[in-house]
Amino acid sequence: MKTAIHPQFFTEVVVTCACGNSFTTGSIKQTIHTEVCYKCHPLYTGEKRFVDTLGQVGKFQKKQERAAEFKASTAGKKAKKQEKQGDGKSLRELLLEV
């Protein structure tokens, strides 16, 4: 095994969460800062809230709003198109009448 290629391992590393919780563990980093831990994560606490650090939830909600607006605008166009076509019968219904 080669010598001096492995990183130094620290046995007493303090992990600090954004909620204020801290605990110790072992790591190759001297300090670790996290945004979510077992004390504040919605899965463990049972709360219904979004953990959004990169703005992904906001992007998704904007997409949903745009999709709803698009659907509303196309629904109006579909209604106008059916009014233009007349009674809205299909080709099969028209052929069966003859």
Protein backbone atom coordinates (compact mmCIF):
# COMPACT_ATOMS: atom_id res chain seq x y z
CA MET A 1 0.00 0.00 0.00
CA LYS A 2 1.31 3.46 -0.87
CA THR A 3 2.12 5.84 1.93
CA ALA A 4 1.00 9.49 2.22
CA ILE A 5 -1.82 9.25 -0.38
CA HIS A 6 -4.76 8.93 2.01
CA PRO A 7 -6.48 12.02 3.41
CA GLN A 8 -6.30 12.74 7.12
CA PHE A 9 -9.29 11.36 9.05
CA PHE A 10 -10.72 13.47 11.86
CA THR A 11 -12.59 11.48 14.51
CA GLU A 12 -14.32 14.40 16.25
CA VAL A 13 -16.01 16.47 13.53
CA VAL A 14 -18.92 18.74 14.44
CA VAL A 15 -21.80 18.70 11.95
CA THR A 16 -23.92 21.85 12.20
CA CYS A 17 -27.37 22.13 10.64
CA ALA A 18 -29.15 25.30 9.52
CA CYS A 19 -31.80 24.65 12.19
CA GLY A 20 -29.16 24.91 14.93
CA ASN A 21 -28.77 21.21 15.68
CA SER A 22 -25.23 19.84 15.91
CA PHE A 23 -23.70 16.41 16.41
CA THR A 24 -20.27 14.78 16.11
CA THR A 25 -19.06 12.19 13.65
CA GLY A 26 -15.91 11.18 11.79
CA SER A 27 -14.90 12.64 8.43
CA ILE A 28 -12.01 13.86 6.32
CA LYS A 29 -13.33 17.43 6.66
CA GLN A 30 -12.83 19.35 9.89
CA THR A 31 -16.30 20.94 9.96
CA ILE A 32 -19.49 20.14 8.08
CA HIS A 33 -22.47 22.48 7.57
CA THR A 34 -25.77 21.01 6.35
CA GLU A 35 -29.12 22.52 5.45
CA VAL A 36 -31.30 19.64 6.64
CA CYS A 37 -30.74 17.10 9.42
CA TYR A 38 -32.76 14.42 11.20
CA LYS A 39 -34.25 17.00 13.59
CA CYS A 40 -35.73 19.24 10.87
CA HIS A 41 -36.25 16.97 7.83
CA PRO A 42 -39.96 16.65 6.94
CA LEU A 43 -39.70 12.87 6.58
CA TYR A 44 -38.60 12.45 10.18
CA THR A 45 -40.68 15.23 11.76
CA GLY A 46 -43.93 14.43 9.94
CA GLU A 47 -44.43 18.03 8.83
CA LYS A 48 -45.73 18.83 5.38
CA ARG A 49 -43.34 21.44 4.07
CA PHE A 50 -41.00 21.79 1.13
CA VAL A 51 -37.25 21.60 1.58
CA ASP A 52 -36.22 23.77 -1.33
CA THR A 53 -32.62 24.91 -1.45
CA LEU A 54 -32.16 25.35 -5.18
CA GLY A 55 -35.53 26.87 -6.06
CA GLN A 56 -36.80 23.68 -7.71
CA VAL A 57 -40.22 23.87 -6.07
CA GLY A 58 -40.71 27.44 -7.29
CA LYS A 59 -39.74 26.43 -10.83
CA PHE A 60 -42.20 23.53 -10.73
CA GLN A 61 -45.03 25.74 -9.49
CA LYS A 62 -44.34 28.28 -12.25
CA LYS A 63 -44.50 25.49 -14.83
CA GLN A 64 -47.82 24.32 -13.40
CA GLU A 65 -49.24 27.86 -13.61
CA ARG A 66 -48.11 28.24 -17.24
CA ALA A 67 -49.62 24.85 -18.09
CA ALA A 68 -52.94 25.85 -16.53
CA GLU A 69 -52.96 29.12 -18.50
CA PHE A 70 -52.12 27.28 -21.72
CA LYS A 71 -54.86 24.73 -21.08
CA ALA A 72 -57.38 27.50 -20.47
CA SER A 73 -56.39 29.29 -23.67
CA THR A 74 -56.59 26.11 -25.77
CA ALA A 75 -59.97 25.18 -24.28
CA GLY A 76 -61.41 28.40 -25.68
CA LYS A 77 -59.92 27.66 -29.08
CA LYS A 78 -61.35 24.13 -29.07
CA ALA A 79 -64.82 25.43 -28.26
CA LYS A 80 -64.65 27.95 -31.12
CA LYS A 81 -63.45 25.26 -33.50
CA GLN A 82 -66.36 22.98 -32.60
CA GLU A 83 -68.82 25.83 -33.07
CA LYS A 84 -67.42 26.42 -36.56
CA GLN A 85 -67.76 22.75 -37.47
CA GLY A 86 -71.45 22.78 -36.77
CA ASP A 87 -73.22 20.15 -34.77
CA GLY A 88 -69.97 18.40 -33.82
CA LYS A 89 -70.80 15.03 -35.32
CA SER A 90 -68.02 12.66 -36.18
CA LEU A 91 -67.43 11.33 -39.66
CA ARG A 92 -68.85 7.97 -38.67
CA GLU A 93 -72.08 9.55 -37.41
CA LEU A 94 -72.43 11.55 -40.60
CA LEU A 95 -71.93 8.44 -42.76
CA LEU A 96 -74.45 6.42 -40.73
CA GLU A 97 -77.11 9.08 -41.32
CA VAL A 98 -76.89 8.64 -45.10
